[in-house]
């Protein structure tokens, strides 16, 4: 297992503004790190830099304690799986998976055994004689994974491996990737723009915006403790309330709210609480009475908008909780679920 360290990576393509700004990040041995961010945030440039396909303008990349900047791609021990899988169309599945082993001059008997084992691991046992054009998109991506894993790389790099798949196939392959990574104990870096994919597979997430690292942490931290309003908005659906903090009380348009945050200094703040943290009913503190303004059944959950004073609060409820426009609703905002951010002047 290998540790990957990025130290102050900065890069700009010719005639363009920089796409990476002082990016520093450490991916631990056997960790699955997701690089998450919108299009143009620098995710793929980082991945290609680690693979050796892009040479960063400044900074360093280290595998364990050794810089790999001067090491050619084929000697780094990093294998990259692309969004479009890049299988050899003139080879069958078995030959595609065996390609890296043949380049390493492994004997034929061992190759057959390793190929069979790799295909079984990605749930394609017996597919050796199939051709790529006979496979579905999800199956082709599984073959690409098997081809990458069979040579036991130090680091596996996945560039948007799920983005071209239908939702049901995405979920299946997402689960397969996570299972394979845990079984192999391999260091993996996974690029995606999709928050759901990131949260489902990651040990930790590195959120990139405009070529810079905005937050690094476990998936839950981005929902419960975003570092700023941009991060909170990227994960969607959050309630924002301007307020003035005095001790454990924040004065807002909804009235005074009790909070647990004692570290943020008194003064102007931005109160945040996620819709799924808002509860229906009362429970000792932060109880509010509002009017239902919207209700949307969404299958596994339902979304409700409650008007309180001149503010609408969004909440997520179970699909069995039904509300109607104009209905009175009593809400509870658990103080431990309220997160305070620096005040914004443009709200």
C-alpha atoms as a PDB file:
ATOM      1  CA  UNK A   1       0.000   0.000   0.000  1.00  0.00           C
ATOM      2  CA  UNK A   2       1.187   3.474  -0.906  1.00  0.00           C
ATOM      3  CA  UNK A   3       0.748   6.978   0.482  1.00  0.00           C
ATOM      4  CA  UNK A   4       0.263   9.677  -2.159  1.00  0.00           C
ATOM      5  CA  UNK A   5       1.227  13.232  -1.208  1.00  0.00           C
ATOM      6  CA  UNK A   6       0.626  16.377  -3.242  1.00  0.00           C
ATOM      7  CA  UNK A   7       2.560  19.457  -2.178  1.00  0.00           C
ATOM      8  CA  UNK A   8       1.536  22.893  -3.483  1.00  0.00           C
ATOM      9  CA  UNK A   9       0.667  21.744  -7.002  1.00  0.00           C
ATOM     10  CA  UNK A  10       0.128  24.657  -9.372  1.00  0.00           C
ATOM     11  CA  UNK A  11      -0.533  24.232 -13.068  1.00  0.00           C
ATOM     12  CA  UNK A  12      -1.716  26.256 -16.033  1.00  0.00           C
ATOM     13  CA  UNK A  13      -2.193  25.093 -19.604  1.00  0.00           C
ATOM     14  CA  UNK A  14      -0.706  27.305 -22.351  1.00  0.00           C
ATOM     15  CA  UNK A  15      -2.625  30.562 -22.934  1.00  0.00           C
ATOM     16  CA  UNK A  16      -5.009  29.784 -20.059  1.00  0.00           C
ATOM     17  CA  UNK A  17      -5.345  30.877 -16.449  1.00  0.00           C
ATOM     18  CA  UNK A  18      -4.099  28.435 -13.772  1.00  0.00           C
ATOM     19  CA  UNK A  19      -6.257  25.339 -13.264  1.00  0.00           C
ATOM     20  CA  UNK A  20      -4.546  24.346  -9.998  1.00  0.00           C
ATOM     21  CA  UNK A  21      -3.627  26.707  -7.159  1.00  0.00           C
ATOM     22  CA  UNK A  22      -1.276  25.412  -4.432  1.00  0.00           C
ATOM     23  CA  UNK A  23      -3.077  22.070  -4.057  1.00  0.00           C
ATOM     24  CA  UNK A  24      -1.774  20.069  -1.093  1.00  0.00           C
ATOM     25  CA  UNK A  25      -3.291  16.738  -0.091  1.00  0.00           C
ATOM     26  CA  UNK A  26      -2.226  13.435   1.460  1.00  0.00           C
ATOM     27  CA  UNK A  27      -3.967  10.166   0.566  1.00  0.00           C
ATOM     28  CA  UNK A  28      -3.227   7.482   3.145  1.00  0.00           C
ATOM     29  CA  UNK A  29      -2.178   3.894   2.541  1.00  0.00           C
ATOM     30  CA  UNK A  30      -5.180   1.873   1.385  1.00  0.00           C
ATOM     31  CA  UNK A  31      -7.465   4.906   1.447  1.00  0.00           C
ATOM     32  CA  UNK A  32     -10.192   5.671  -1.077  1.00  0.00           C
ATOM     33  CA  UNK A  33     -10.010   9.414  -1.630  1.00  0.00           C
ATOM     34  CA  UNK A  34     -12.608  11.102  -3.818  1.00  0.00           C
ATOM     35  CA  UNK A  35     -11.712  14.291  -5.680  1.00  0.00           C
ATOM     36  CA  UNK A  36     -15.070  16.027  -5.958  1.00  0.00           C
ATOM     37  CA  UNK A  37     -15.967  19.273  -7.645  1.00  0.00           C
ATOM     38  CA  UNK A  38     -17.763  20.969 -10.518  1.00  0.00           C
ATOM     39  CA  UNK A  39     -16.504  20.879 -14.086  1.00  0.00           C
ATOM     40  CA  UNK A  40     -13.272  22.829 -14.469  1.00  0.00           C
ATOM     41  CA  UNK A  41     -12.262  22.579 -10.813  1.00  0.00           C
ATOM     42  CA  UNK A  42      -8.999  20.752 -11.594  1.00  0.00           C
ATOM     43  CA  UNK A  43      -9.931  17.190 -10.588  1.00  0.00           C
ATOM     44  CA  UNK A  44      -8.789  15.423 -13.740  1.00  0.00           C
ATOM     45  CA  UNK A  45      -5.653  17.567 -14.006  1.00  0.00           C
ATOM     46  CA  UNK A  46      -4.637  16.345 -10.547  1.00  0.00           C
ATOM     47  CA  UNK A  47      -5.324  12.741 -11.521  1.00  0.00           C
ATOM     48  CA  UNK A  48      -3.352  13.034 -14.756  1.00  0.00           C
ATOM     49  CA  UNK A  49      -0.498  14.690 -12.860  1.00  0.00           C
ATOM     50  CA  UNK A  50      -0.341  11.758 -10.433  1.00  0.00           C
ATOM     51  CA  UNK A  51      -0.356   9.336 -13.377  1.00  0.00           C
ATOM     52  CA  UNK A  52       2.468  11.242 -15.072  1.00  0.00           C
ATOM     53  CA  UNK A  53       0.389  12.335 -18.068  1.00  0.00           C
ATOM     54  CA  UNK A  54       0.623  16.006 -17.039  1.00  0.00           C
ATOM     55  CA  UNK A  55       3.718  17.624 -15.558  1.00  0.00           C
ATOM     56  CA  UNK A  56       2.631  20.285 -13.037  1.00  0.00           C
ATOM     57  CA  UNK A  57       4.158  23.728 -13.348  1.00  0.00           C
ATOM     58  CA  UNK A  58       5.062  23.862  -9.656  1.00  0.00           C
ATOM     59  CA  UNK A  59       4.934  21.584  -6.644  1.00  0.00           C
ATOM     60  CA  UNK A  60       5.736  17.958  -5.923  1.00  0.00           C
ATOM     61  CA  UNK A  61       4.045  14.542  -6.026  1.00  0.00           C
ATOM     62  CA  UNK A  62       5.372  11.818  -3.746  1.00  0.00           C
ATOM     63  CA  UNK A  63       4.604   8.119  -3.460  1.00  0.00           C
ATOM     64  CA  UNK A  64       5.513   7.278   0.117  1.00  0.00           C
ATOM     65  CA  UNK A  65       8.664   9.353   0.652  1.00  0.00           C
ATOM     66  CA  UNK A  66       9.875   9.505  -2.949  1.00  0.00           C
ATOM     67  CA  UNK A  67       9.112  12.172  -5.539  1.00  0.00           C
ATOM     68  CA  UNK A  68       7.754  10.733  -8.791  1.00  0.00           C
ATOM     69  CA  UNK A  69       7.941  13.905 -10.879  1.00  0.00           C
ATOM     70  CA  UNK A  70      10.928  12.584 -12.816  1.00  0.00           C
ATOM     71  CA  UNK A  71       9.553   9.053 -13.108  1.00  0.00           C
ATOM     72  CA  UNK A  72       7.891   8.127 -16.445  1.00  0.00           C
ATOM     73  CA  UNK A  73       4.226   7.079 -16.256  1.00  0.00           C
ATOM     74  CA  UNK A  74       4.894   3.400 -16.955  1.00  0.00           C
ATOM     75  CA  UNK A  75       7.246   3.160 -13.976  1.00  0.00           C
ATOM     76  CA  UNK A  76       5.176   4.957 -11.355  1.00  0.00           C
ATOM     77  CA  UNK A  77       2.974   2.028 -10.459  1.00  0.00           C
ATOM     78  CA  UNK A  78      -0.148   4.156 -10.931  1.00  0.00           C
ATOM     79  CA  UNK A  79      -2.866   2.860 -13.256  1.00  0.00           C
ATOM     80  CA  UNK A  80      -5.619   5.098 -14.589  1.00  0.00           C
ATOM     81  CA  UNK A  81      -9.128   3.974 -15.588  1.00  0.00           C
ATOM     82  CA  UNK A  82     -10.771   6.497 -17.889  1.00  0.00           C
ATOM     83  CA  UNK A  83     -14.401   7.546 -18.197  1.00  0.00           C
ATOM     84  CA  UNK A  84     -14.749   5.724 -21.528  1.00  0.00           C
ATOM     85  CA  UNK A  85     -12.894   2.579 -20.337  1.00  0.00           C
ATOM     86  CA  UNK A  86     -10.440   2.578 -23.334  1.00  0.00           C
ATOM     87  CA  UNK A  87     -10.571  -1.162 -24.053  1.00  0.00           C
ATOM     88  CA  UNK A  88      -8.774  -2.555 -27.094  1.00  0.00           C
ATOM     89  CA  UNK A  89     -11.657  -3.228 -29.543  1.00  0.00           C
ATOM     90  CA  UNK A  90      -9.685  -5.845 -31.523  1.00  0.00           C
ATOM     91  CA  UNK A  91      -9.030  -7.982 -28.417  1.00  0.00           C
ATOM     92  CA  UNK A  92     -11.478 -10.146 -26.515  1.00  0.00           C
ATOM     93  CA  UNK A  93     -12.117  -9.577 -22.820  1.00  0.00           C
ATOM     94  CA  UNK A  94      -9.507 -12.081 -21.704  1.00  0.00           C
ATOM     95  CA  UNK A  95      -6.808 -10.498 -23.860  1.00  0.00           C
ATOM     96  CA  UNK A  96      -7.720  -7.027 -22.645  1.00  0.00           C
ATOM     97  CA  UNK A  97      -7.385  -8.050 -19.006  1.00  0.00           C
ATOM     98  CA  UNK A  98      -4.180  -9.991 -19.728  1.00  0.00           C
ATOM     99  CA  UNK A  99      -2.473  -7.146 -21.595  1.00  0.00           C
ATOM    100  CA  UNK A 100      -0.539  -5.716 -18.648  1.00  0.00           C
ATOM    101  CA  UNK A 101       0.525  -9.158 -17.481  1.00  0.00           C
ATOM    102  CA  UNK A 102       1.863 -10.038 -20.937  1.00  0.00           C
ATOM    103  CA  UNK A 103       3.870  -6.800 -20.973  1.00  0.00           C
ATOM    104  CA  UNK A 104       5.446  -8.008 -17.732  1.00  0.00           C
ATOM    105  CA  UNK A 105       6.318 -11.364 -19.354  1.00  0.00           C
ATOM    106  CA  UNK A 106       4.232 -13.449 -16.951  1.00  0.00           C
ATOM    107  CA  UNK A 107       3.876 -17.084 -18.035  1.00  0.00           C
ATOM    108  CA  UNK A 108       0.683 -18.123 -19.842  1.00  0.00           C
ATOM    109  CA  UNK A 109      -0.614 -20.456 -17.120  1.00  0.00           C
ATOM    110  CA  UNK A 110      -0.331 -17.771 -14.464  1.00  0.00           C
ATOM    111  CA  UNK A 111      -1.939 -15.216 -16.783  1.00  0.00           C
ATOM    112  CA  UNK A 112      -4.990 -17.425 -17.366  1.00  0.00           C
ATOM    113  CA  UNK A 113      -5.437 -17.937 -13.637  1.00  0.00           C
ATOM    114  CA  UNK A 114      -5.037 -14.239 -12.812  1.00  0.00           C
ATOM    115  CA  UNK A 115      -7.412 -13.169 -15.584  1.00  0.00           C
ATOM    116  CA  UNK A 116     -10.072 -15.611 -14.399  1.00  0.00           C
ATOM    117  CA  UNK A 117      -9.654 -14.384 -10.833  1.00  0.00           C
ATOM    118  CA  UNK A 118      -9.860 -10.716 -11.866  1.00  0.00           C
ATOM    119  CA  UNK A 119     -12.994 -11.258 -13.960  1.00  0.00           C
ATOM    120  CA  UNK A 120     -14.655 -13.163 -11.139  1.00  0.00           C
ATOM    121  CA  UNK A 121     -13.873 -10.263  -8.798  1.00  0.00           C
ATOM    122  CA  UNK A 122     -15.781  -7.853 -11.074  1.00  0.00           C
ATOM    123  CA  UNK A 123     -18.662 -10.329 -11.535  1.00  0.00           C
ATOM    124  CA  UNK A 124     -17.741 -11.268 -15.124  1.00  0.00           C
ATOM    125  CA  UNK A 125     -16.573 -14.858 -14.643  1.00  0.00           C
ATOM    126  CA  UNK A 126     -16.530 -16.738 -17.956  1.00  0.00           C
ATOM    127  CA  UNK A 127     -16.509 -13.613 -20.144  1.00  0.00           C
ATOM    128  CA  UNK A 128     -12.955 -14.158 -21.462  1.00  0.00           C
ATOM    129  CA  UNK A 129     -14.019 -14.826 -25.065  1.00  0.00           C
ATOM    130  CA  UNK A 130     -16.502 -11.937 -25.348  1.00  0.00           C
ATOM    131  CA  UNK A 131     -15.567  -8.891 -27.395  1.00  0.00           C
ATOM    132  CA  UNK A 132     -15.969  -5.329 -26.047  1.00  0.00           C
ATOM    133  CA  UNK A 133     -18.753  -4.498 -28.530  1.00  0.00           C
ATOM    134  CA  UNK A 134     -20.789  -7.400 -27.127  1.00  0.00           C
ATOM    135  CA  UNK A 135     -20.814  -5.878 -23.635  1.00  0.00           C
ATOM    136  CA  UNK A 136     -22.942  -3.225 -21.978  1.00  0.00           C
ATOM    137  CA  UNK A 137     -21.370   0.028 -20.817  1.00  0.00           C
ATOM    138  CA  UNK A 138     -21.280  -1.192 -17.248  1.00  0.00           C
ATOM    139  CA  UNK A 139     -19.654  -4.478 -18.260  1.00  0.00           C
ATOM    140  CA  UNK A 140     -16.985  -2.686 -20.292  1.00  0.00           C
ATOM    141  CA  UNK A 141     -16.153  -0.529 -17.296  1.00  0.00           C
ATOM    142  CA  UNK A 142     -15.870  -3.672 -15.155  1.00  0.00           C
ATOM    143  CA  UNK A 143     -13.407  -5.129 -17.671  1.00  0.00           C
ATOM    144  CA  UNK A 144     -11.372  -1.921 -17.455  1.00  0.00           C
ATOM    145  CA  UNK A 145     -11.317  -2.281 -13.662  1.00  0.00           C
ATOM    146  CA  UNK A 146     -10.216  -5.915 -13.907  1.00  0.00           C
ATOM    147  CA  UNK A 147      -7.436  -4.956 -16.339  1.00  0.00           C
ATOM    148  CA  UNK A 148      -6.222  -2.279 -13.920  1.00  0.00           C
ATOM    149  CA  UNK A 149      -6.392  -4.414 -10.778  1.00  0.00           C
ATOM    150  CA  UNK A 150      -4.859  -7.595 -12.198  1.00  0.00           C
ATOM    151  CA  UNK A 151      -1.373  -6.049 -12.290  1.00  0.00           C
ATOM    152  CA  UNK A 152      -1.670  -4.970  -8.628  1.00  0.00           C
ATOM    153  CA  UNK A 153      -0.754  -1.286  -9.040  1.00  0.00           C
ATOM    154  CA  UNK A 154       0.503   0.835  -6.173  1.00  0.00           C
ATOM    155  CA  UNK A 155      -2.214   3.410  -6.849  1.00  0.00           C
ATOM    156  CA  UNK A 156      -5.461   3.110  -8.829  1.00  0.00           C
ATOM    157  CA  UNK A 157      -6.809   6.302 -10.415  1.00  0.00           C
ATOM    158  CA  UNK A 158     -10.437   6.424 -11.589  1.00  0.00           C
ATOM    159  CA  UNK A 159     -11.567   9.348 -13.764  1.00  0.00           C
ATOM    160  CA  UNK A 160     -15.374   9.701 -13.684  1.00  0.00           C
ATOM    161  CA  UNK A 161     -15.852   5.909 -14.019  1.00  0.00           C
ATOM    162  CA  UNK A 162     -19.625   6.088 -13.487  1.00  0.00           C
ATOM    163  CA  UNK A 163     -20.671   9.229 -15.348  1.00  0.00           C
ATOM    164  CA  UNK A 164     -21.762   7.544 -18.597  1.00  0.00           C
ATOM    165  CA  UNK A 165     -23.846   4.823 -16.921  1.00  0.00           C
ATOM    166  CA  UNK A 166     -27.565   4.605 -16.210  1.00  0.00           C
ATOM    167  CA  UNK A 167     -28.587   5.106 -12.546  1.00  0.00           C
ATOM    168  CA  UNK A 168     -29.107   1.412 -11.745  1.00  0.00           C
ATOM    169  CA  UNK A 169     -25.770   0.443 -13.326  1.00  0.00           C
ATOM    170  CA  UNK A 170     -24.041   3.322 -11.521  1.00  0.00           C
ATOM    171  CA  UNK A 171     -25.159   2.034  -8.143  1.00  0.00           C
ATOM    172  CA  UNK A 172     -24.082  -1.546  -8.886  1.00  0.00           C
ATOM    173  CA  UNK A 173     -20.650  -0.549 -10.178  1.00  0.00           C
ATOM    174  CA  UNK A 174     -20.216   1.922  -7.322  1.00  0.00           C
ATOM    175  CA  UNK A 175     -20.721  -0.911  -4.855  1.00  0.00           C
ATOM    176  CA  UNK A 176     -18.322  -3.138  -6.810  1.00  0.00           C
ATOM    177  CA  UNK A 177     -15.593  -0.480  -6.805  1.00  0.00           C
ATOM    178  CA  UNK A 178     -15.900   0.039  -3.060  1.00  0.00           C
ATOM    179  CA  UNK A 179     -15.850  -3.708  -2.359  1.00  0.00           C
ATOM    180  CA  UNK A 180     -12.832  -4.315  -4.607  1.00  0.00           C
ATOM    181  CA  UNK A 181     -10.914  -1.449  -3.032  1.00  0.00           C
ATOM    182  CA  UNK A 182     -11.535  -2.741   0.465  1.00  0.00           C
ATOM    183  CA  UNK A 183     -10.647  -6.321  -0.461  1.00  0.00           C
ATOM    184  CA  UNK A 184      -7.438  -5.335  -2.255  1.00  0.00           C
ATOM    185  CA  UNK A 185      -6.464  -2.690   0.295  1.00  0.00           C
ATOM    186  CA  UNK A 186      -5.248  -0.546  -2.585  1.00  0.00           C
ATOM    187  CA  UNK A 187      -4.776   3.223  -2.473  1.00  0.00           C
ATOM    188  CA  UNK A 188      -7.446   4.632  -4.780  1.00  0.00           C
ATOM    189  CA  UNK A 189      -8.221   8.147  -6.007  1.00  0.00           C
ATOM    190  CA  UNK A 190     -11.653   8.534  -7.571  1.00  0.00           C
ATOM    191  CA  UNK A 191     -12.705  11.638  -9.532  1.00  0.00           C
ATOM    192  CA  UNK A 192     -16.368  12.626  -9.798  1.00  0.00           C
ATOM    193  CA  UNK A 193     -18.637  15.667 -10.015  1.00  0.00           C
ATOM    194  CA  UNK A 194     -21.502  13.726  -8.408  1.00  0.00           C
ATOM    195  CA  UNK A 195     -22.059  14.175  -4.666  1.00  0.00           C
ATOM    196  CA  UNK A 196     -24.017  10.931  -4.321  1.00  0.00           C
ATOM    197  CA  UNK A 197     -21.231   8.855  -5.867  1.00  0.00           C
ATOM    198  CA  UNK A 198     -18.639  10.615  -3.719  1.00  0.00           C
ATOM    199  CA  UNK A 199     -20.454  10.062  -0.438  1.00  0.00           C
ATOM    200  CA  UNK A 200     -21.198   6.409  -1.273  1.00  0.00           C
ATOM    201  CA  UNK A 201     -17.617   5.297  -1.950  1.00  0.00           C
ATOM    202  CA  UNK A 202     -15.243   7.643  -0.127  1.00  0.00           C
ATOM    203  CA  UNK A 203     -13.219   7.201   3.009  1.00  0.00           C
ATOM    204  CA  UNK A 204     -12.570  10.916   2.651  1.00  0.00           C
ATOM    205  CA  UNK A 205     -13.542  13.588   0.140  1.00  0.00           C
ATOM    206  CA  UNK A 206     -11.423  16.449  -1.160  1.00  0.00           C
ATOM    207  CA  UNK A 207     -13.723  19.168  -2.500  1.00  0.00           C
ATOM    208  CA  UNK A 208     -12.145  21.326  -5.199  1.00  0.00           C
ATOM    209  CA  UNK A 209     -13.470  24.636  -6.475  1.00  0.00           C
ATOM    210  CA  UNK A 210     -11.724  26.778  -9.084  1.00  0.00           C
ATOM    211  CA  UNK A 211      -8.543  24.744  -8.779  1.00  0.00           C
ATOM    212  CA  UNK A 212      -8.197  25.053  -5.005  1.00  0.00           C
ATOM    213  CA  UNK A 213      -8.961  22.738  -2.091  1.00  0.00           C
ATOM    214  CA  UNK A 214     -11.984  23.989  -0.151  1.00  0.00           C
ATOM    215  CA  UNK A 215     -12.528  21.172   2.354  1.00  0.00           C
ATOM    216  CA  UNK A 216     -11.133  17.710   3.081  1.00  0.00           C
ATOM    217  CA  UNK A 217     -12.843  15.256   5.401  1.00  0.00           C
ATOM    218  CA  UNK A 218     -15.121  12.286   5.893  1.00  0.00           C
ATOM    219  CA  UNK A 219     -18.348  12.435   3.848  1.00  0.00           C
ATOM    220  CA  UNK A 220     -20.516  13.232   6.866  1.00  0.00           C
ATOM    221  CA  UNK A 221     -18.500  16.369   7.657  1.00  0.00           C
ATOM    222  CA  UNK A 222     -19.608  18.080   4.438  1.00  0.00           C
ATOM    223  CA  UNK A 223     -23.233  17.781   5.502  1.00  0.00           C
ATOM    224  CA  UNK A 224     -22.836  18.486   9.199  1.00  0.00           C
ATOM    225  CA  UNK A 225     -19.851  20.880   9.275  1.00  0.00           C
ATOM    226  CA  UNK A 226     -19.264  22.623   5.916  1.00  0.00           C
ATOM    227  CA  UNK A 227     -16.442  25.146   6.191  1.00  0.00           C
ATOM    228  CA  UNK A 228     -18.300  27.888   4.325  1.00  0.00           C
ATOM    229  CA  UNK A 229     -21.523  28.654   2.492  1.00  0.00           C
ATOM    230  CA  UNK A 230     -20.104  27.668  -0.927  1.00  0.00           C
ATOM    231  CA  UNK A 231     -19.374  24.159   0.358  1.00  0.00           C
ATOM    232  CA  UNK A 232     -22.803  23.983   1.990  1.00  0.00           C
ATOM    233  CA  UNK A 233     -24.505  25.038  -1.250  1.00  0.00           C
ATOM    234  CA  UNK A 234     -22.545  22.522  -3.314  1.00  0.00           C
ATOM    235  CA  UNK A 235     -24.110  19.703  -1.297  1.00  0.00           C
ATOM    236  CA  UNK A 236     -27.514  21.275  -1.812  1.00  0.00           C
ATOM    237  CA  UNK A 237     -30.791  21.885  -0.068  1.00  0.00           C
ATOM    238  CA  UNK A 238     -29.527  23.562   3.085  1.00  0.00           C
ATOM    239  CA  UNK A 239     -31.429  26.248   5.002  1.00  0.00           C
ATOM    240  CA  UNK A 240     -29.631  29.577   5.534  1.00  0.00           C
ATOM    241  CA  UNK A 241     -30.691  32.141   8.135  1.00  0.00           C
ATOM    242  CA  UNK A 242     -28.818  35.387   8.875  1.00  0.00           C
ATOM    243  CA  UNK A 243     -28.548  35.986  12.597  1.00  0.00           C
ATOM    244  CA  UNK A 244     -26.786  37.697  15.468  1.00  0.00           C
ATOM    245  CA  UNK A 245     -25.090  35.439  18.004  1.00  0.00           C
ATOM    246  CA  UNK A 246     -25.001  36.297  21.695  1.00  0.00           C
ATOM    247  CA  UNK A 247     -23.640  33.435  23.754  1.00  0.00           C
ATOM    248  CA  UNK A 248     -25.718  30.338  23.035  1.00  0.00           C
ATOM    249  CA  UNK A 249     -28.593  32.312  21.498  1.00  0.00           C
ATOM    250  CA  UNK A 250     -28.826  33.471  17.891  1.00  0.00           C
ATOM    251  CA  UNK A 251     -31.458  36.059  17.016  1.00  0.00           C
ATOM    252  CA  UNK A 252     -32.987  35.269  13.603  1.00  0.00           C
ATOM    253  CA  UNK A 253     -36.064  36.151  11.557  1.00  0.00           C
ATOM    254  CA  UNK A 254     -37.600  32.963  12.989  1.00  0.00           C
ATOM    255  CA  UNK A 255     -36.996  34.190  16.526  1.00  0.00           C
ATOM    256  CA  UNK A 256     -34.256  33.277  19.012  1.00  0.00           C
ATOM    257  CA  UNK A 257     -32.563  29.916  18.428  1.00  0.00           C
ATOM    258  CA  UNK A 258     -30.486  28.045  20.987  1.00  0.00           C
ATOM    259  CA  UNK A 259     -27.224  26.617  19.588  1.00  0.00           C
ATOM    260  CA  UNK A 260     -24.388  24.420  20.832  1.00  0.00           C
ATOM    261  CA  UNK A 261     -21.636  26.344  19.036  1.00  0.00           C
ATOM    262  CA  UNK A 262     -19.542  28.135  21.672  1.00  0.00           C
ATOM    263  CA  UNK A 263     -16.396  28.514  19.552  1.00  0.00           C
ATOM    264  CA  UNK A 264     -17.681  31.068  17.042  1.00  0.00           C
ATOM    265  CA  UNK A 265     -17.476  34.602  18.447  1.00  0.00           C
ATOM    266  CA  UNK A 266     -20.556  36.692  19.098  1.00  0.00           C
ATOM    267  CA  UNK A 267     -21.826  38.913  16.305  1.00  0.00           C
ATOM    268  CA  UNK A 268     -23.253  38.429  12.826  1.00  0.00           C
ATOM    269  CA  UNK A 269     -23.433  34.794  11.698  1.00  0.00           C
ATOM    270  CA  UNK A 270     -25.083  32.598   9.107  1.00  0.00           C
ATOM    271  CA  UNK A 271     -27.243  29.875  10.665  1.00  0.00           C
ATOM    272  CA  UNK A 272     -27.417  26.633   8.664  1.00  0.00           C
ATOM    273  CA  UNK A 273     -29.477  23.502   9.180  1.00  0.00           C
ATOM    274  CA  UNK A 274     -30.120  20.718   6.697  1.00  0.00           C
ATOM    275  CA  UNK A 275     -33.718  19.843   5.731  1.00  0.00           C
ATOM    276  CA  UNK A 276     -33.336  16.283   7.036  1.00  0.00           C
ATOM    277  CA  UNK A 277     -32.320  17.662  10.462  1.00  0.00           C
ATOM    278  CA  UNK A 278     -35.559  19.623  10.912  1.00  0.00           C
ATOM    279  CA  UNK A 279     -38.072  17.601  12.946  1.00  0.00           C
ATOM    280  CA  UNK A 280     -41.858  17.702  13.012  1.00  0.00           C
ATOM    281  CA  UNK A 281     -43.171  18.250  16.550  1.00  0.00           C
ATOM    282  CA  UNK A 282     -41.813  19.820  19.720  1.00  0.00           C
ATOM    283  CA  UNK A 283     -38.871  18.879  21.900  1.00  0.00           C
ATOM    284  CA  UNK A 284     -37.935  21.364  24.596  1.00  0.00           C
ATOM    285  CA  UNK A 285     -36.236  24.152  22.619  1.00  0.00           C
ATOM    286  CA  UNK A 286     -36.217  25.814  19.173  1.00  0.00           C
ATOM    287  CA  UNK A 287     -39.873  24.987  18.526  1.00  0.00           C
ATOM    288  CA  UNK A 288     -41.534  26.927  15.709  1.00  0.00           C
ATOM    289  CA  UNK A 289     -45.056  27.161  14.305  1.00  0.00           C
ATOM    290  CA  UNK A 290     -45.441  27.672  10.569  1.00  0.00           C
ATOM    291  CA  UNK A 291     -47.716  27.150   7.589  1.00  0.00           C
ATOM    292  CA  UNK A 292     -47.155  24.532   4.893  1.00  0.00           C
ATOM    293  CA  UNK A 293     -46.416  26.307   1.609  1.00  0.00           C
ATOM    294  CA  UNK A 294     -45.238  23.378  -0.516  1.00  0.00           C
ATOM    295  CA  UNK A 295     -45.141  19.585  -0.417  1.00  0.00           C
ATOM    296  CA  UNK A 296     -43.440  17.262  -2.912  1.00  0.00           C
ATOM    297  CA  UNK A 297     -43.499  13.461  -2.782  1.00  0.00           C
ATOM    298  CA  UNK A 298     -40.150  12.177  -4.105  1.00  0.00           C
ATOM    299  CA  UNK A 299     -40.383   8.424  -3.583  1.00  0.00           C
ATOM    300  CA  UNK A 300     -38.118   7.502  -0.689  1.00  0.00           C
ATOM    301  CA  UNK A 301     -38.641  10.914   0.935  1.00  0.00           C
ATOM    302  CA  UNK A 302     -40.907  13.941   0.677  1.00  0.00           C
ATOM    303  CA  UNK A 303     -39.900  17.612   0.733  1.00  0.00           C
ATOM    304  CA  UNK A 304     -41.916  20.218   2.555  1.00  0.00           C
ATOM    305  CA  UNK A 305     -41.621  24.009   2.656  1.00  0.00           C
ATOM    306  CA  UNK A 306     -42.916  25.720   5.799  1.00  0.00           C
ATOM    307  CA  UNK A 307     -43.462  29.471   5.971  1.00  0.00           C
ATOM    308  CA  UNK A 308     -42.521  31.054   9.294  1.00  0.00           C
ATOM    309  CA  UNK A 309     -42.806  34.855   9.460  1.00  0.00           C
ATOM    310  CA  UNK A 310     -41.387  35.914   6.072  1.00  0.00           C
ATOM    311  CA  UNK A 311     -38.989  32.961   5.835  1.00  0.00           C
ATOM    312  CA  UNK A 312     -39.471  29.538   4.264  1.00  0.00           C
ATOM    313  CA  UNK A 313     -37.821  26.575   5.974  1.00  0.00           C
ATOM    314  CA  UNK A 314     -37.222  23.398   3.964  1.00  0.00           C
ATOM    315  CA  UNK A 315     -37.563  20.010   5.645  1.00  0.00           C
ATOM    316  CA  UNK A 316     -37.310  16.391   4.526  1.00  0.00           C
ATOM    317  CA  UNK A 317     -39.907  13.968   5.880  1.00  0.00           C
ATOM    318  CA  UNK A 318     -40.799  10.335   5.321  1.00  0.00           C
ATOM    319  CA  UNK A 319     -43.130   9.616   2.384  1.00  0.00           C
ATOM    320  CA  UNK A 320     -45.772   8.534   4.901  1.00  0.00           C
ATOM    321  CA  UNK A 321     -45.963  12.018   6.421  1.00  0.00           C
ATOM    322  CA  UNK A 322     -48.449  13.956   4.300  1.00  0.00           C
ATOM    323  CA  UNK A 323     -49.030  17.679   4.532  1.00  0.00           C
ATOM    324  CA  UNK A 324     -51.250  20.083   2.605  1.00  0.00           C
ATOM    325  CA  UNK A 325     -50.822  23.719   1.628  1.00  0.00           C
ATOM    326  CA  UNK A 326     -52.196  26.014   4.290  1.00  0.00           C
ATOM    327  CA  UNK A 327     -51.909  23.401   7.034  1.00  0.00           C
ATOM    328  CA  UNK A 328     -50.322  24.484  10.319  1.00  0.00           C
ATOM    329  CA  UNK A 329     -47.099  22.654  11.149  1.00  0.00           C
ATOM    330  CA  UNK A 330     -44.991  22.615  14.311  1.00  0.00           C
ATOM    331  CA  UNK A 331     -41.239  22.188  13.831  1.00  0.00           C
ATOM    332  CA  UNK A 332     -38.246  21.534  16.063  1.00  0.00           C
ATOM    333  CA  UNK A 333     -34.688  22.585  15.186  1.00  0.00           C
ATOM    334  CA  UNK A 334     -32.279  20.450  17.263  1.00  0.00           C
ATOM    335  CA  UNK A 335     -29.565  22.764  18.534  1.00  0.00           C
ATOM    336  CA  UNK A 336     -26.868  20.126  17.952  1.00  0.00           C
ATOM    337  CA  UNK A 337     -27.820  20.077  14.242  1.00  0.00           C
ATOM    338  CA  UNK A 338     -27.452  23.830  13.804  1.00  0.00           C
ATOM    339  CA  UNK A 339     -24.123  24.878  12.289  1.00  0.00           C
ATOM    340  CA  UNK A 340     -22.895  28.469  12.277  1.00  0.00           C
ATOM    341  CA  UNK A 341     -20.874  30.021   9.462  1.00  0.00           C
ATOM    342  CA  UNK A 342     -19.433  33.495   8.939  1.00  0.00           C
ATOM    343  CA  UNK A 343     -22.075  36.046   7.981  1.00  0.00           C
ATOM    344  CA  UNK A 344     -22.680  36.841   4.317  1.00  0.00           C
ATOM    345  CA  UNK A 345     -23.442  40.350   3.137  1.00  0.00           C
ATOM    346  CA  UNK A 346     -25.328  39.355  -0.027  1.00  0.00           C
ATOM    347  CA  UNK A 347     -28.129  37.294   1.521  1.00  0.00           C
END
